[in-house]
Amino acid sequence: VLLIHRINPDQWEVPGGKKRHNESLEFTAIREFSEELGSVVGNLALMGQAEIRDGAIEYTWFLGEIESGWPNPQETHKHDDAGYFNLFNPDPGMILSDGVQKLAEERKSGRFLLK
């Protein structure tokens, strides 16, 4: 899974962000990916949705393909690294965001299927 490292708080997270008014979830994912990583992503397929923090935050995850550009952090005041990681065997010392932990939990349970 492609993760991006947030400087503060120090954690790895899935690229993404808040949905704007009248914006589809798919367009939000495409826009946020481009803004955060400078790459174009497409061919999105819904993986699943879940709530964390007692419903305070709702996550929607998509599986997609990078169509152009190599993913590199664009907002260097927020993010300083990006890379592909195994959700079930993260590097020692990696701090994973609540969203990444929930994605790993859902995937491990078999609720989310990856191609």
Protein backbone atom coordinates (compact mmCIF):
# COMPACT_ATOMS: atom_id res chain seq x y z
CA VAL A 1 0.00 0.00 0.00
CA LEU A 2 1.29 3.48 -0.84
CA LEU A 3 1.67 5.54 2.33
CA ILE A 4 2.81 9.11 2.90
CA HIS A 5 4.72 10.27 5.98
CA ARG A 6 3.21 13.18 7.89
CA ILE A 7 5.75 15.26 9.79
CA ASN A 8 3.42 16.40 12.59
CA PRO A 9 2.16 14.23 14.07
CA ASP A 10 4.91 11.78 13.11
CA GLN A 11 2.92 9.04 11.36
CA TRP A 12 2.39 7.20 8.09
CA GLU A 13 -1.00 7.60 6.45
CA VAL A 14 -2.91 6.86 3.28
CA PRO A 15 -2.96 9.88 0.93
CA GLY A 16 -6.29 11.66 1.17
CA GLY A 17 -8.27 14.47 2.66
CA LYS A 18 -11.60 16.14 3.10
CA LYS A 19 -14.35 16.06 0.50
CA ARG A 20 -15.35 19.46 -0.82
CA HIS A 21 -18.96 20.57 -1.33
CA ASN A 22 -20.57 18.84 -4.36
CA GLU A 23 -17.45 16.72 -4.95
CA SER A 24 -17.74 12.96 -5.47
CA LEU A 25 -15.66 10.66 -3.28
CA GLU A 26 -13.81 9.44 -6.38
CA PHE A 27 -12.92 12.99 -7.45
CA THR A 28 -11.80 13.79 -3.89
CA ALA A 29 -9.42 10.82 -3.96
CA ILE A 30 -8.01 11.82 -7.37
CA ARG A 31 -7.60 15.49 -6.34
CA GLU A 32 -6.02 14.75 -2.97
CA PHE A 33 -3.60 12.21 -4.47
CA SER A 34 -2.47 14.77 -7.03
CA GLU A 35 -2.16 17.56 -4.44
CA GLU A 36 -0.22 15.45 -1.95
CA LEU A 37 1.92 13.35 -4.29
CA GLY A 38 2.01 15.12 -7.65
CA SER A 39 0.85 12.05 -9.56
CA VAL A 40 -2.30 11.28 -11.50
CA VAL A 41 -4.27 8.30 -10.25
CA GLY A 42 -7.15 6.65 -12.07
CA ASN A 43 -9.08 3.43 -12.61
CA LEU A 44 -10.43 3.69 -9.06
CA ALA A 45 -12.32 0.85 -7.44
CA LEU A 46 -14.02 1.25 -4.06
CA MET A 47 -12.34 -0.96 -1.45
CA GLY A 48 -14.54 -0.03 1.46
CA GLN A 49 -15.63 2.47 4.06
CA ALA A 50 -15.32 2.58 7.83
CA GLU A 51 -15.67 4.94 10.75
CA ILE A 52 -13.10 5.52 13.46
CA ARG A 53 -13.08 7.42 16.73
CA ASP A 54 -16.72 6.52 17.44
CA GLY A 55 -17.90 7.82 14.08
CA ALA A 56 -16.06 11.15 14.28
CA ILE A 57 -14.12 10.34 11.10
CA GLU A 58 -15.36 8.40 8.08
CA TYR A 59 -12.81 6.85 5.76
CA THR A 60 -13.37 5.71 2.19
CA TRP A 61 -10.57 3.73 0.56
CA PHE A 62 -10.03 3.21 -3.14
CA LEU A 63 -7.73 0.96 -5.07
CA GLY A 64 -6.27 2.77 -8.06
CA GLU A 65 -3.50 2.86 -10.62
CA ILE A 66 -0.91 5.57 -11.04
CA GLU A 67 -1.39 6.87 -14.58
CA SER A 68 1.45 9.40 -14.64
CA GLY A 69 4.19 10.76 -12.43
CA TRP A 70 6.16 9.19 -9.61
CA PRO A 71 4.56 9.82 -6.18
CA ASN A 72 6.64 12.35 -4.23
CA PRO A 73 5.42 14.59 -1.41
CA GLN A 74 4.34 17.97 -2.78
CA GLU A 75 3.42 19.69 0.48
CA THR A 76 6.86 19.39 2.05
CA HIS A 77 5.82 21.39 5.11
CA LYS A 78 3.35 18.54 5.88
CA HIS A 79 4.90 15.41 4.36
CA ASP A 80 8.51 14.33 3.91
CA ASP A 81 8.41 10.82 2.44
CA ALA A 82 6.26 8.32 0.58
CA GLY A 83 6.64 4.64 -0.13
CA TYR A 84 5.02 1.26 -0.59
CA PHE A 85 4.57 -0.89 2.50
CA ASN A 86 3.12 -4.22 3.56
CA LEU A 87 0.20 -3.46 5.88
CA PHE A 88 0.64 -6.75 7.73
CA ASN A 89 4.37 -6.44 8.28
CA PRO A 90 5.20 -2.74 8.71
CA ASP A 91 8.77 -1.67 9.31
CA PRO A 92 9.77 -1.75 12.99
CA GLY A 93 9.20 1.62 14.62
CA MET A 94 6.71 2.80 11.99
CA ILE A 95 3.89 4.80 13.52
CA LEU A 96 0.69 4.18 11.56
CA SER A 97 -2.24 6.59 11.55
CA ASP A 98 -5.62 5.47 12.88
CA GLY A 99 -6.82 5.27 9.28
CA VAL A 100 -3.99 2.94 8.21
CA GLN A 101 -4.55 0.76 11.27
CA LYS A 102 -8.27 0.54 10.45
CA LEU A 103 -7.50 -0.30 6.80
CA ALA A 104 -5.16 -3.10 7.90
CA GLU A 105 -7.77 -4.40 10.36
CA GLU A 106 -10.54 -4.39 7.73
CA ARG A 107 -8.30 -6.03 5.13
CA LYS A 108 -7.09 -8.70 7.57
CA SER A 109 -10.71 -9.54 8.46
CA GLY A 110 -11.45 -10.11 4.76
CA ARG A 111 -13.95 -7.26 4.49
CA PHE A 112 -11.76 -5.35 2.03
CA LEU A 113 -10.38 -7.23 -0.92
CA LEU A 114 -7.27 -6.11 -2.77
CA LYS A 115 -6.59 -7.16 -6.35
